[in-house]
């Protein structure tokens, strides 16, 4: 992603014919979320990629393109593998350039752990609503930047407190986490 001032985004797919029938709409959702995200101030890699994966799964499941339980279980497995190696959201706070040392963990932390962090944010917001996240969180991001948006949206005292609470959540049994995801409201 390239950030410009004022924000500008476009979406172009090259060689999309080779992606497969169910992959095209999922990639389309994922990349279109980035177009939406880039119309707001910069946010860390985990929030950008995690948000795109979250909406890819959420909207893809509503249209029958993905099994959300299977996709979320896969993301959870990958995220937990990275956590077992001592990696966390704080390692993916980049807004422009991915740190070289994090390249091997980019998928697991930014995409998969980020997806679960967005799930956790929505589930800990007052309305527990996906539409509320889209509308309220991004308004906060626009007004105050990502750190304040996370703390205000999740009603925590700091991003560090959010990270700490999220790490505790990630230690819960898989079934509890999947039920947490499934309890989110549209």
Protein backbone atom coordinates (compact mmCIF):
# COMPACT_ATOMS: atom_id res chain seq x y z
CA UNK A 1 0.00 0.00 0.00
CA UNK A 2 1.14 3.48 -0.77
CA UNK A 3 -0.18 6.27 1.44
CA UNK A 4 -0.74 9.67 -0.13
CA UNK A 5 -1.96 13.00 1.12
CA UNK A 6 -4.81 13.41 0.44
CA UNK A 7 -5.67 9.67 0.63
CA UNK A 8 -6.04 7.97 -2.73
CA UNK A 9 -6.61 4.30 -3.52
CA UNK A 10 -7.35 2.14 -6.50
CA UNK A 11 -7.91 -1.56 -6.93
CA UNK A 12 -6.42 -3.47 -9.86
CA UNK A 13 -6.29 -7.24 -10.26
CA UNK A 14 -3.75 -8.81 -12.60
CA UNK A 15 -4.08 -12.44 -13.77
CA UNK A 16 -7.27 -12.86 -11.73
CA UNK A 17 -8.46 -15.60 -14.09
CA UNK A 18 -5.99 -17.99 -12.42
CA UNK A 19 -7.33 -17.49 -8.88
CA UNK A 20 -10.26 -19.88 -8.88
CA UNK A 21 -13.97 -19.43 -8.45
CA UNK A 22 -14.15 -18.92 -4.68
CA UNK A 23 -10.81 -17.14 -4.31
CA UNK A 24 -11.68 -14.17 -6.50
CA UNK A 25 -14.52 -12.79 -4.33
CA UNK A 26 -12.49 -13.32 -1.15
CA UNK A 27 -9.46 -11.51 -2.55
CA UNK A 28 -11.77 -8.84 -3.88
CA UNK A 29 -13.21 -8.27 -0.40
CA UNK A 30 -9.76 -8.27 1.20
CA UNK A 31 -8.30 -5.77 -1.24
CA UNK A 32 -11.38 -3.56 -1.28
CA UNK A 33 -11.18 -3.30 2.52
CA UNK A 34 -7.68 -1.90 1.99
CA UNK A 35 -9.13 0.71 -0.36
CA UNK A 36 -11.56 1.71 2.42
CA UNK A 37 -8.79 1.66 5.03
CA UNK A 38 -6.50 3.83 2.93
CA UNK A 39 -9.13 6.57 2.92
CA UNK A 40 -8.37 6.96 6.66
CA UNK A 41 -5.15 7.85 8.50
CA UNK A 42 -2.42 5.26 8.68
CA UNK A 43 -2.83 2.31 10.98
CA UNK A 44 -0.43 -0.48 11.97
CA UNK A 45 0.10 -3.56 9.82
CA UNK A 46 -1.83 -5.83 12.17
CA UNK A 47 -4.89 -3.58 11.99
CA UNK A 48 -4.71 -3.13 8.21
CA UNK A 49 -4.16 -6.79 7.28
CA UNK A 50 -6.14 -8.16 10.21
CA UNK A 51 -9.11 -5.97 9.33
CA UNK A 52 -8.98 -7.08 5.71
CA UNK A 53 -8.84 -10.77 6.69
CA UNK A 54 -11.65 -10.28 9.21
CA UNK A 55 -13.98 -8.77 6.60
CA UNK A 56 -12.89 -11.33 4.00
CA UNK A 57 -14.06 -14.10 6.34
CA UNK A 58 -17.13 -12.28 7.71
CA UNK A 59 -18.52 -11.18 4.34
CA UNK A 60 -17.28 -14.29 2.53
CA UNK A 61 -19.20 -16.51 4.95
CA UNK A 62 -22.38 -14.47 4.51
CA UNK A 63 -22.17 -15.18 0.79
CA UNK A 64 -21.22 -18.85 1.11
CA UNK A 65 -17.68 -18.39 -0.22
CA UNK A 66 -15.87 -19.52 2.94
CA UNK A 67 -16.51 -21.62 6.03
CA UNK A 68 -15.94 -19.00 8.72
CA UNK A 69 -15.32 -21.53 11.49
CA UNK A 70 -12.66 -23.30 9.45
CA UNK A 71 -11.02 -20.02 8.33
CA UNK A 72 -10.98 -18.58 11.85
CA UNK A 73 -9.62 -21.83 13.29
CA UNK A 74 -6.80 -21.75 10.71
CA UNK A 75 -6.00 -18.10 11.53
CA UNK A 76 -6.05 -18.90 15.24
CA UNK A 77 -3.62 -21.80 14.77
CA UNK A 78 -1.21 -19.58 12.82
CA UNK A 79 -1.47 -16.74 15.33
CA UNK A 80 -0.80 -19.07 18.26
CA UNK A 81 2.27 -20.49 16.51
CA UNK A 82 3.69 -16.97 16.24
CA UNK A 83 2.82 -16.21 19.87
CA UNK A 84 4.64 -19.38 20.94
CA UNK A 85 7.74 -17.90 19.27
CA UNK A 86 7.34 -14.68 21.24
CA UNK A 87 5.78 -12.60 18.46
CA UNK A 88 2.85 -10.27 19.02
CA UNK A 89 0.86 -7.35 17.69
CA UNK A 90 3.47 -4.89 18.97
CA UNK A 91 5.87 -6.42 16.41
CA UNK A 92 3.53 -5.37 13.59
CA UNK A 93 3.04 -1.71 14.45
CA UNK A 94 4.71 -0.65 11.22
CA UNK A 95 2.66 1.73 9.08
CA UNK A 96 4.78 1.75 5.96
CA UNK A 97 7.73 -0.64 5.81
CA UNK A 98 7.66 -4.12 7.28
CA UNK A 99 10.66 -4.62 9.58
CA UNK A 100 13.07 -7.11 7.98
CA UNK A 101 13.17 -9.28 11.12
CA UNK A 102 9.38 -9.71 10.95
CA UNK A 103 9.17 -10.85 7.31
CA UNK A 104 9.03 -14.56 8.25
CA UNK A 105 6.12 -13.85 10.62
CA UNK A 106 4.17 -11.36 8.52
CA UNK A 107 1.33 -13.73 7.59
CA UNK A 108 0.97 -15.17 11.09
CA UNK A 109 1.05 -11.88 12.98
CA UNK A 110 -0.30 -9.15 10.67
CA UNK A 111 -2.95 -11.24 8.91
CA UNK A 112 -3.94 -14.05 11.30
CA UNK A 113 -3.24 -12.55 14.72
CA UNK A 114 -4.50 -9.23 13.37
CA UNK A 115 -7.77 -10.88 12.32
CA UNK A 116 -8.24 -12.18 15.84
CA UNK A 117 -7.29 -8.78 17.31
CA UNK A 118 -10.04 -7.15 15.21
CA UNK A 119 -12.44 -9.89 16.33
CA UNK A 120 -11.44 -9.17 19.93
CA UNK A 121 -11.90 -5.42 19.42
CA UNK A 122 -15.40 -5.86 18.01
CA UNK A 123 -16.37 -8.36 20.70
CA UNK A 124 -15.23 -5.99 23.44
CA UNK A 125 -16.93 -2.91 22.05
CA UNK A 126 -20.21 -1.74 23.56
CA UNK A 127 -22.37 -2.94 20.65
CA UNK A 128 -20.30 -6.02 19.64
CA UNK A 129 -21.30 -5.07 16.09
CA UNK A 130 -19.31 -5.50 12.89
CA UNK A 131 -21.12 -2.56 11.28
CA UNK A 132 -20.41 -0.55 14.43
CA UNK A 133 -16.71 -1.31 14.02
CA UNK A 134 -16.79 -0.14 10.42
CA UNK A 135 -18.66 3.04 11.27
CA UNK A 136 -17.47 3.97 14.77
CA UNK A 137 -13.90 2.72 14.86
CA UNK A 138 -12.90 4.29 11.57
CA UNK A 139 -14.48 7.59 12.61
CA UNK A 140 -12.34 7.51 15.75
CA UNK A 141 -9.30 6.61 13.66
CA UNK A 142 -9.97 9.58 11.40
CA UNK A 143 -10.38 11.95 14.34
CA UNK A 144 -7.67 10.77 16.74
CA UNK A 145 -5.26 8.28 15.16
CA UNK A 146 -5.03 4.54 15.65
CA UNK A 147 -3.79 4.40 19.26
CA UNK A 148 -6.59 6.57 20.61
CA UNK A 149 -9.12 4.81 18.37
CA UNK A 150 -8.16 1.41 19.80
CA UNK A 151 -8.29 2.58 23.40
CA UNK A 152 -11.56 4.50 23.07
CA UNK A 153 -13.30 1.88 20.95
CA UNK A 154 -12.31 -0.97 23.29
CA UNK A 155 -12.65 1.14 26.43
CA UNK A 156 -9.13 0.34 27.71
CA UNK A 157 -6.58 2.71 29.23
CA UNK A 158 -3.83 2.11 26.66
CA UNK A 159 -2.81 0.12 23.59
CA UNK A 160 -0.48 -1.84 25.88
CA UNK A 161 -3.49 -2.79 28.03
CA UNK A 162 -5.32 -3.87 24.88
CA UNK A 163 -2.34 -6.03 23.87
CA UNK A 164 -2.17 -7.58 27.36
CA UNK A 165 -5.92 -8.34 27.41
CA UNK A 166 -5.77 -9.71 23.87
CA UNK A 167 -2.90 -12.04 24.76
CA UNK A 168 -4.96 -13.42 27.68
CA UNK A 169 -7.90 -13.92 25.32
CA UNK A 170 -5.66 -15.84 22.93
CA UNK A 171 -4.88 -18.36 25.69
CA UNK A 172 -8.53 -19.42 26.02
CA UNK A 173 -9.71 -22.75 24.61
CA UNK A 174 -10.22 -22.73 20.83
CA UNK A 175 -13.92 -23.52 21.11
CA UNK A 176 -14.46 -20.50 23.40
CA UNK A 177 -12.67 -18.25 20.91
CA UNK A 178 -14.71 -19.55 17.98
CA UNK A 179 -17.92 -19.01 19.95
CA UNK A 180 -16.74 -15.46 20.76
CA UNK A 181 -16.35 -14.81 17.01
CA UNK A 182 -19.74 -16.38 16.26
CA UNK A 183 -21.40 -14.20 18.92
CA UNK A 184 -20.55 -10.97 17.08
CA UNK A 185 -23.53 -9.04 15.78
CA UNK A 186 -23.83 -7.90 12.17
